[in-house]
PDB file of N, CA and C in Angstrom:
ATOM      1  N   MET A   1     173.851  91.609 -66.274  1.00  0.00           N
ATOM      2  CA  MET A   1     172.959  92.679 -66.632  1.00  0.00           C
ATOM      3  C   MET A   1     173.816  93.842 -67.099  1.00  0.00           C
ATOM      4  N   SER A   2     173.373  94.524 -68.123  1.00  0.00           N
ATOM      5  CA  SER A   2     174.106  95.673 -68.627  1.00  0.00           C
ATOM      6  C   SER A   2     174.282  96.702 -67.518  1.00  0.00           C
ATOM      7  N   LYS A   3     175.440  97.307 -67.461  1.00  0.00           N
ATOM      8  CA  LYS A   3     175.703  98.324 -66.452  1.00  0.00           C
ATOM      9  C   LYS A   3     174.907  99.598 -66.711  1.00  0.00           C
ATOM     10  N   ASP A   4     174.252  99.676 -67.878  1.00  0.00           N
ATOM     11  CA  ASP A   4     173.439 100.838 -68.220  1.00  0.00           C
ATOM     12  C   ASP A   4     171.990 100.725 -67.745  1.00  0.00           C
ATOM     13  N   VAL A   5     171.595  99.567 -67.215  1.00  0.00           N
ATOM     14  CA  VAL A   5     170.219  99.392 -66.743  1.00  0.00           C
ATOM     15  C   VAL A   5     170.006 100.282 -65.516  1.00  0.00           C
ATOM     16  N   SER A   6     168.934 101.078 -65.558  1.00  0.00           N
ATOM     17  CA  SER A   6     168.627 101.987 -64.458  1.00  0.00           C
ATOM     18  C   SER A   6     167.762 101.292 -63.409  1.00  0.00           C
ATOM     19  N   ASP A   7     167.661 101.920 -62.255  1.00  0.00           N
ATOM     20  CA  ASP A   7     166.796 101.405 -61.194  1.00  0.00           C
ATOM     21  C   ASP A   7     165.355 101.300 -61.696  1.00  0.00           C
ATOM     22  N   ALA A   8     164.899 102.320 -62.396  1.00  0.00           N
ATOM     23  CA  ALA A   8     163.529 102.321 -62.918  1.00  0.00           C
ATOM     24  C   ALA A   8     163.324 101.185 -63.919  1.00  0.00           C
ATOM     25  N   GLU A   9     164.315 100.945 -64.778  1.00  0.00           N
ATOM     26  CA  GLU A   9     164.212  99.878 -65.766  1.00  0.00           C
ATOM     27  C   GLU A   9     164.174  98.505 -65.088  1.00  0.00           C
ATOM     28  N   LEU A  10     164.987  98.302 -64.064  1.00  0.00           N
ATOM     29  CA  LEU A  10     164.964  97.039 -63.335  1.00  0.00           C
ATOM     30  C   LEU A  10     163.600  96.845 -62.670  1.00  0.00           C
ATOM     31  N   ASN A  11     163.063  97.901 -62.082  1.00  0.00           N
ATOM     32  CA  ASN A  11     161.731  97.817 -61.485  1.00  0.00           C
ATOM     33  C   ASN A  11     160.684  97.416 -62.515  1.00  0.00           C
ATOM     34  N   GLU A  12     160.748  98.006 -63.704  1.00  0.00           N
ATOM     35  CA  GLU A  12     159.800  97.662 -64.768  1.00  0.00           C
ATOM     36  C   GLU A  12     159.911  96.197 -65.174  1.00  0.00           C
ATOM     37  N   LEU A  13     161.110  95.658 -65.146  1.00  0.00           N
ATOM     38  CA  LEU A  13     161.324  94.258 -65.513  1.00  0.00           C
ATOM     39  C   LEU A  13     160.741  93.294 -64.483  1.00  0.00           C
ATOM     40  N   VAL A  14     160.882  93.619 -63.197  1.00  0.00           N
ATOM     41  CA  VAL A  14     160.515  92.665 -62.153  1.00  0.00           C
ATOM     42  C   VAL A  14     159.097  92.812 -61.618  1.00  0.00           C
ATOM     43  N   ASN A  15     158.498  93.980 -61.752  1.00  0.00           N
ATOM     44  CA  ASN A  15     157.167  94.207 -61.186  1.00  0.00           C
ATOM     45  C   ASN A  15     156.060  93.355 -61.775  1.00  0.00           C
ATOM     46  N   PRO A  16     156.093  92.967 -63.054  1.00  0.00           N
ATOM     47  CA  PRO A  16     155.012  92.119 -63.568  1.00  0.00           C
ATOM     48  C   PRO A  16     154.899  90.760 -62.876  1.00  0.00           C
ATOM     49  N   PHE A  17     155.924  90.353 -62.137  1.00  0.00           N
ATOM     50  CA  PHE A  17     155.919  89.038 -61.500  1.00  0.00           C
ATOM     51  C   PHE A  17     155.379  89.070 -60.071  1.00  0.00           C
ATOM     52  N   GLY A  18     155.091  90.247 -59.558  1.00  0.00           N
ATOM     53  CA  GLY A  18     154.515  90.359 -58.228  1.00  0.00           C
ATOM     54  C   GLY A  18     155.103  91.520 -57.452  1.00  0.00           C
ATOM     55  N   VAL A  19     154.567  91.703 -56.261  1.00  0.00           N
ATOM     56  CA  VAL A  19     154.997  92.797 -55.400  1.00  0.00           C
ATOM     57  C   VAL A  19     156.396  92.508 -54.852  1.00  0.00           C
ATOM     58  N   THR A  20     157.292  93.464 -55.023  1.00  0.00           N
ATOM     59  CA  THR A  20     158.654  93.321 -54.516  1.00  0.00           C
ATOM     60  C   THR A  20     158.772  94.018 -53.165  1.00  0.00           C
ATOM     61  N   THR A  21     159.662  93.514 -52.332  1.00  0.00           N
ATOM     62  CA  THR A  21     159.945  94.169 -51.052  1.00  0.00           C
ATOM     63  C   THR A  21     161.245  94.954 -51.125  1.00  0.00           C
ATOM     64  N   SER A  22     162.080  94.633 -52.126  1.00  0.00           N
ATOM     65  CA  SER A  22     163.349  95.333 -52.293  1.00  0.00           C
ATOM     66  C   SER A  22     163.873  95.087 -53.708  1.00  0.00           C
ATOM     67  N   VAL A  23     164.355  96.148 -54.334  1.00  0.00           N
ATOM     68  CA  VAL A  23     165.004  96.053 -55.642  1.00  0.00           C
ATOM     69  C   VAL A  23     166.258  96.913 -55.560  1.00  0.00           C
ATOM     70  N   GLU A  24     167.417  96.303 -55.819  1.00  0.00           N
ATOM     71  CA  GLU A  24     168.669  97.032 -55.673  1.00  0.00           C
ATOM     72  C   GLU A  24     169.665  96.636 -56.750  1.00  0.00           C
ATOM     73  N   ILE A  25     170.211  97.634 -57.431  1.00  0.00           N
ATOM     74  CA  ILE A  25     171.344  97.424 -58.326  1.00  0.00           C
ATOM     75  C   ILE A  25     172.585  97.647 -57.471  1.00  0.00           C
ATOM     76  N   VAL A  26     173.509  96.708 -57.488  1.00  0.00           N
ATOM     77  CA  VAL A  26     174.726  96.828 -56.692  1.00  0.00           C
ATOM     78  C   VAL A  26     175.663  97.800 -57.397  1.00  0.00           C
ATOM     79  N   ARG A  27     176.188  98.738 -56.615  1.00  0.00           N
ATOM     80  CA  ARG A  27     177.040  99.794 -57.169  1.00  0.00           C
ATOM     81  C   ARG A  27     178.395  99.839 -56.459  1.00  0.00           C
ATOM     82  N   ASN A  28     179.397 100.338 -57.176  1.00  0.00           N
ATOM     83  CA  ASN A  28     180.719 100.512 -56.583  1.00  0.00           C
ATOM     84  C   ASN A  28     180.719 101.812 -55.763  1.00  0.00           C
ATOM     85  N   PRO A  29     181.803 102.101 -55.049  1.00  0.00           N
ATOM     86  CA  PRO A  29     181.836 103.316 -54.219  1.00  0.00           C
ATOM     87  C   PRO A  29     181.604 104.622 -54.995  1.00  0.00           C
ATOM     88  N   GLU A  30     181.872 104.605 -56.284  1.00  0.00           N
ATOM     89  CA  GLU A  30     181.653 105.795 -57.105  1.00  0.00           C
ATOM     90  C   GLU A  30     180.204 105.896 -57.591  1.00  0.00           C
ATOM     91  N   GLY A  31     179.389 104.897 -57.265  1.00  0.00           N
ATOM     92  CA  GLY A  31     177.975 104.918 -57.648  1.00  0.00           C
ATOM     93  C   GLY A  31     177.686 104.277 -58.991  1.00  0.00           C
ATOM     94  N   LEU A  32     178.677 103.652 -59.615  1.00  0.00           N
ATOM     95  CA  LEU A  32     178.467 102.996 -60.908  1.00  0.00           C
ATOM     96  C   LEU A  32     178.017 101.552 -60.706  1.00  0.00           C
ATOM     97  N   SER A  33     177.118 101.099 -61.561  1.00  0.00           N
ATOM     98  CA  SER A  33     176.604  99.734 -61.469  1.00  0.00           C
ATOM     99  C   SER A  33     177.722  98.720 -61.641  1.00  0.00           C
ATOM    100  N   LYS A  34     177.636  97.638 -60.851  1.00  0.00           N
ATOM    101  CA  LYS A  34     178.579  96.526 -60.994  1.00  0.00           C
ATOM    102  C   LYS A  34     178.039  95.471 -61.963  1.00  0.00           C
ATOM    103  N   GLY A  35     176.854  95.694 -62.508  1.00  0.00           N
ATOM    104  CA  GLY A  35     176.303  94.773 -63.496  1.00  0.00           C
ATOM    105  C   GLY A  35     175.449  93.660 -62.911  1.00  0.00           C
ATOM    106  N   PHE A  36     175.056  93.803 -61.653  1.00  0.00           N
ATOM    107  CA  PHE A  36     174.125  92.833 -61.073  1.00  0.00           C
ATOM    108  C   PHE A  36     173.314  93.497 -59.971  1.00  0.00           C
ATOM    109  N   GLY A  37     172.256  92.825 -59.574  1.00  0.00           N
ATOM    110  CA  GLY A  37     171.405  93.384 -58.537  1.00  0.00           C
ATOM    111  C   GLY A  37     170.614  92.293 -57.855  1.00  0.00           C
ATOM    112  N   PHE A  38     169.827  92.697 -56.880  1.00  0.00           N
ATOM    113  CA  PHE A  38     169.019  91.777 -56.102  1.00  0.00           C
ATOM    114  C   PHE A  38     167.586  92.271 -56.053  1.00  0.00           C
ATOM    115  N   VAL A  39     166.666  91.323 -56.136  1.00  0.00           N
ATOM    116  CA  VAL A  39     165.246  91.628 -56.046  1.00  0.00           C
ATOM    117  C   VAL A  39     164.658  90.689 -55.012  1.00  0.00           C
ATOM    118  N   GLU A  40     163.896  91.247 -54.076  1.00  0.00           N
ATOM    119  CA  GLU A  40     163.238  90.420 -53.072  1.00  0.00           C
ATOM    120  C   GLU A  40     161.730  90.509 -53.262  1.00  0.00           C
ATOM    121  N   TYR A  41     161.093  89.369 -53.165  1.00  0.00           N
ATOM    122  CA  TYR A  41     159.637  89.267 -53.237  1.00  0.00           C
ATOM    123  C   TYR A  41     159.128  88.756 -51.894  1.00  0.00           C
ATOM    124  N   GLY A  42     157.937  89.166 -51.521  1.00  0.00           N
ATOM    125  CA  GLY A  42     157.328  88.684 -50.293  1.00  0.00           C
ATOM    126  C   GLY A  42     156.782  87.283 -50.428  1.00  0.00           C
ATOM    127  N   ASP A  43     156.669  86.808 -51.665  1.00  0.00           N
ATOM    128  CA  ASP A  43     156.078  85.498 -51.933  1.00  0.00           C
ATOM    129  C   ASP A  43     157.040  84.683 -52.794  1.00  0.00           C
ATOM    130  N   GLU A  44     157.319  83.472 -52.349  1.00  0.00           N
ATOM    131  CA  GLU A  44     158.262  82.616 -53.074  1.00  0.00           C
ATOM    132  C   GLU A  44     157.784  82.297 -54.484  1.00  0.00           C
ATOM    133  N   ALA A  45     156.480  82.142 -54.670  1.00  0.00           N
ATOM    134  CA  ALA A  45     155.951  81.840 -56.004  1.00  0.00           C
ATOM    135  C   ALA A  45     156.263  82.977 -56.979  1.00  0.00           C
ATOM    136  N   ASN A  46     156.203  84.216 -56.512  1.00  0.00           N
ATOM    137  CA  ASN A  46     156.527  85.356 -57.373  1.00  0.00           C
ATOM    138  C   ASN A  46     158.009  85.349 -57.737  1.00  0.00           C
ATOM    139  N   ALA A  47     158.862  85.027 -56.761  1.00  0.00           N
ATOM    140  CA  ALA A  47     160.297  84.966 -57.021  1.00  0.00           C
ATOM    141  C   ALA A  47     160.607  83.877 -58.048  1.00  0.00           C
ATOM    142  N   ARG A  48     159.976  82.731 -57.917  1.00  0.00           N
ATOM    143  CA  ARG A  48     160.199  81.627 -58.873  1.00  0.00           C
ATOM    144  C   ARG A  48     159.702  82.023 -60.264  1.00  0.00           C
ATOM    145  N   ALA A  49     158.562  82.706 -60.322  1.00  0.00           N
ATOM    146  CA  ALA A  49     158.032  83.157 -61.613  1.00  0.00           C
ATOM    147  C   ALA A  49     158.984  84.154 -62.267  1.00  0.00           C
ATOM    148  N   ALA A  50     159.556  85.053 -61.482  1.00  0.00           N
ATOM    149  CA  ALA A  50     160.512  86.029 -62.015  1.00  0.00           C
ATOM    150  C   ALA A  50     161.757  85.334 -62.540  1.00  0.00           C
ATOM    151  N   MET A  51     162.258  84.336 -61.802  1.00  0.00           N
ATOM    152  CA  MET A  51     163.439  83.604 -62.263  1.00  0.00           C
ATOM    153  C   MET A  51     163.150  82.919 -63.595  1.00  0.00           C
ATOM    154  N   ALA A  52     161.997  82.273 -63.698  1.00  0.00           N
ATOM    155  CA  ALA A  52     161.638  81.558 -64.930  1.00  0.00           C
ATOM    156  C   ALA A  52     161.391  82.527 -66.079  1.00  0.00           C
ATOM    157  N   GLY A  53     160.760  83.650 -65.788  1.00  0.00           N
ATOM    158  CA  GLY A  53     160.385  84.591 -66.835  1.00  0.00           C
ATOM    159  C   GLY A  53     161.500  85.501 -67.305  1.00  0.00           C
ATOM    160  N   LEU A  54     162.487  85.738 -66.466  1.00  0.00           N
ATOM    161  CA  LEU A  54     163.541  86.688 -66.823  1.00  0.00           C
ATOM    162  C   LEU A  54     164.877  86.054 -67.180  1.00  0.00           C
ATOM    163  N   ASP A  55     165.126  84.826 -66.756  1.00  0.00           N
ATOM    164  CA  ASP A  55     166.407  84.191 -67.055  1.00  0.00           C
ATOM    165  C   ASP A  55     166.569  84.052 -68.568  1.00  0.00           C
ATOM    166  N   GLY A  56     167.626  84.626 -69.094  1.00  0.00           N
ATOM    167  CA  GLY A  56     167.898  84.566 -70.528  1.00  0.00           C
ATOM    168  C   GLY A  56     167.283  85.710 -71.324  1.00  0.00           C
ATOM    169  N   LYS A  57     166.441  86.534 -70.694  1.00  0.00           N
ATOM    170  CA  LYS A  57     165.800  87.650 -71.400  1.00  0.00           C
ATOM    171  C   LYS A  57     166.863  88.660 -71.833  1.00  0.00           C
ATOM    172  N   ASP A  58     166.771  89.102 -73.071  1.00  0.00           N
ATOM    173  CA  ASP A  58     167.699  90.089 -73.604  1.00  0.00           C
ATOM    174  C   ASP A  58     167.287  91.482 -73.124  1.00  0.00           C
ATOM    175  N   VAL A  59     168.199  92.148 -72.449  1.00  0.00           N
ATOM    176  CA  VAL A  59     167.982  93.515 -71.986  1.00  0.00           C
ATOM    177  C   VAL A  59     169.199  94.331 -72.375  1.00  0.00           C
ATOM    178  N   ARG A  60     168.980  95.287 -73.246  1.00  0.00           N
ATOM    179  CA  ARG A  60     170.065  96.154 -73.734  1.00  0.00           C
ATOM    180  C   ARG A  60     171.207  95.352 -74.349  1.00  0.00           C
ATOM    181  N   GLY A  61     170.853  94.304 -75.075  1.00  0.00           N
ATOM    182  CA  GLY A  61     171.845  93.518 -75.793  1.00  0.00           C
ATOM    183  C   GLY A  61     172.550  92.454 -74.976  1.00  0.00           C
ATOM    184  N   GLN A  62     172.151  92.266 -73.725  1.00  0.00           N
ATOM    185  CA  GLN A  62     172.755  91.232 -72.887  1.00  0.00           C
ATOM    186  C   GLN A  62     171.668  90.339 -72.314  1.00  0.00           C
ATOM    187  N   ALA A  63     171.936  89.045 -72.297  1.00  0.00           N
ATOM    188  CA  ALA A  63     170.990  88.098 -71.701  1.00  0.00           C
ATOM    189  C   ALA A  63     171.138  88.144 -70.185  1.00  0.00           C
ATOM    190  N   LEU A  64     170.009  88.266 -69.491  1.00  0.00           N
ATOM    191  CA  LEU A  64     170.034  88.234 -68.035  1.00  0.00           C
ATOM    192  C   LEU A  64     170.321  86.813 -67.558  1.00  0.00           C
ATOM    193  N   LYS A  65     171.063  86.703 -66.493  1.00  0.00           N
ATOM    194  CA  LYS A  65     171.249  85.433 -65.791  1.00  0.00           C
ATOM    195  C   LYS A  65     170.573  85.634 -64.447  1.00  0.00           C
ATOM    196  N   VAL A  66     169.438  84.980 -64.267  1.00  0.00           N
ATOM    197  CA  VAL A  66     168.636  85.181 -63.062  1.00  0.00           C
ATOM    198  C   VAL A  66     168.593  83.885 -62.269  1.00  0.00           C
ATOM    199  N   SER A  67     168.949  83.972 -60.990  1.00  0.00           N
ATOM    200  CA  SER A  67     168.975  82.792 -60.136  1.00  0.00           C
ATOM    201  C   SER A  67     168.634  83.192 -58.711  1.00  0.00           C
ATOM    202  N   GLU A  68     168.432  82.179 -57.890  1.00  0.00           N
ATOM    203  CA  GLU A  68     168.166  82.433 -56.482  1.00  0.00           C
ATOM    204  C   GLU A  68     169.440  82.947 -55.825  1.00  0.00           C
ATOM    205  N   ALA A  69     169.303  84.006 -55.044  1.00  0.00           N
ATOM    206  CA  ALA A  69     170.454  84.564 -54.341  1.00  0.00           C
ATOM    207  C   ALA A  69     170.885  83.594 -53.250  1.00  0.00           C
ATOM    208  N   LYS A  70     172.169  83.373 -53.153  1.00  0.00           N
ATOM    209  CA  LYS A  70     172.743  82.473 -52.150  1.00  0.00           C
ATOM    210  C   LYS A  70     173.527  83.303 -51.141  1.00  0.00           C
ATOM    211  N   PRO A  71     173.522  82.900 -49.866  1.00  0.00           N
ATOM    212  CA  PRO A  71     174.325  83.625 -48.881  1.00  0.00           C
ATOM    213  C   PRO A  71     175.809  83.515 -49.221  1.00  0.00           C
ATOM    214  N   ARG A  72     176.547  84.565 -48.904  1.00  0.00           N
ATOM    215  CA  ARG A  72     177.989  84.526 -49.098  1.00  0.00           C
ATOM    216  C   ARG A  72     178.602  83.584 -48.077  1.00  0.00           C
ATOM    217  N   LYS A  73     179.755  83.022 -48.404  1.00  0.00           N
ATOM    218  CA  LYS A  73     180.454  82.159 -47.452  1.00  0.00           C
ATOM    219  C   LYS A  73     180.714  82.948 -46.175  1.00  0.00           C
ATOM    220  N   GLY A  74     180.419  82.309 -45.056  1.00  0.00           N
ATOM    221  CA  GLY A  74     180.626  82.954 -43.776  1.00  0.00           C
ATOM    222  C   GLY A  74     179.458  83.799 -43.316  1.00  0.00           C
ATOM    223  N   ASP A  75     178.454  83.995 -44.173  1.00  0.00           N
ATOM    224  CA  ASP A  75     177.271  84.767 -43.813  1.00  0.00           C
ATOM    225  C   ASP A  75     176.253  83.802 -43.220  1.00  0.00           C
ATOM    226  N   ASN A  76     176.058  83.859 -41.925  1.00  0.00           N
ATOM    227  CA  ASN A  76     175.176  82.917 -41.248  1.00  0.00           C
ATOM    228  C   ASN A  76     173.748  83.404 -41.120  1.00  0.00           C
ATOM    229  N   LYS A  77     173.427  84.535 -41.760  1.00  0.00           N
ATOM    230  CA  LYS A  77     172.070  85.052 -41.665  1.00  0.00           C
ATOM    231  C   LYS A  77     171.137  84.194 -42.508  1.00  0.00           C
ATOM    232  N   PRO A  78     170.012  83.753 -41.936  1.00  0.00           N
ATOM    233  CA  PRO A  78     169.058  82.982 -42.727  1.00  0.00           C
ATOM    234  C   PRO A  78     168.320  83.894 -43.703  1.00  0.00           C
ATOM    235  N   ALA A  79     167.936  83.348 -44.843  1.00  0.00           N
ATOM    236  CA  ALA A  79     167.152  84.101 -45.811  1.00  0.00           C
ATOM    237  C   ALA A  79     165.760  84.318 -45.230  1.00  0.00           C
ATOM    238  N   THR A  80     165.302  85.574 -45.245  1.00  0.00           N
ATOM    239  CA  THR A  80     163.998  85.876 -44.683  1.00  0.00           C
ATOM    240  C   THR A  80     162.928  86.038 -45.744  1.00  0.00           C
ATOM    241  N   THR A  81     163.336  86.417 -46.938  1.00  0.00           N
ATOM    242  CA  THR A  81     162.373  86.560 -48.033  1.00  0.00           C
ATOM    243  C   THR A  81     163.012  85.999 -49.298  1.00  0.00           C
ATOM    244  N   PRO A  82     162.194  85.530 -50.227  1.00  0.00           N
ATOM    245  CA  PRO A  82     162.751  85.028 -51.487  1.00  0.00           C
ATOM    246  C   PRO A  82     163.473  86.159 -52.219  1.00  0.00           C
ATOM    247  N   ALA A  83     164.652  85.886 -52.700  1.00  0.00           N
ATOM    248  CA  ALA A  83     165.433  86.886 -53.408  1.00  0.00           C
ATOM    249  C   ALA A  83     165.917  86.322 -54.734  1.00  0.00           C
ATOM    250  N   VAL A  84     166.027  87.193 -55.708  1.00  0.00           N
ATOM    251  CA  VAL A  84     166.467  86.837 -57.051  1.00  0.00           C
ATOM    252  C   VAL A  84     167.684  87.683 -57.373  1.00  0.00           C
ATOM    253  N   GLU A  85     168.695  87.063 -57.954  1.00  0.00           N
ATOM    254  CA  GLU A  85     169.888  87.796 -58.362  1.00  0.00           C
ATOM    255  C   GLU A  85     169.899  87.875 -59.883  1.00  0.00           C
ATOM    256  N   ALA A  86     170.042  89.072 -60.406  1.00  0.00           N
ATOM    257  CA  ALA A  86     170.110  89.265 -61.851  1.00  0.00           C
ATOM    258  C   ALA A  86     171.496  89.754 -62.214  1.00  0.00           C
ATOM    259  N   GLN A  87     172.157  89.038 -63.134  1.00  0.00           N
ATOM    260  CA  GLN A  87     173.480  89.438 -63.593  1.00  0.00           C
ATOM    261  C   GLN A  87     173.436  89.722 -65.073  1.00  0.00           C
TER     262      GLN A  87
END
């Protein structure tokens, strides 16, 4: 995802697919976007629809890569809500 995408713009992209419980652009310590973010939906069907509808979509000249968020190695926390990762 382009590092120029704002929080509001990401919200506009993901809201048509259903109610989100969390939308976050990952930022470095200086507050600059790292070029990816996470979106959580309360309903798995909405998360799947967002992945299908947004993967490959051109936003600010870059194609989004949207997939299911996977736990990091060593992170034993179970997934509690469907999450989508946009890069």
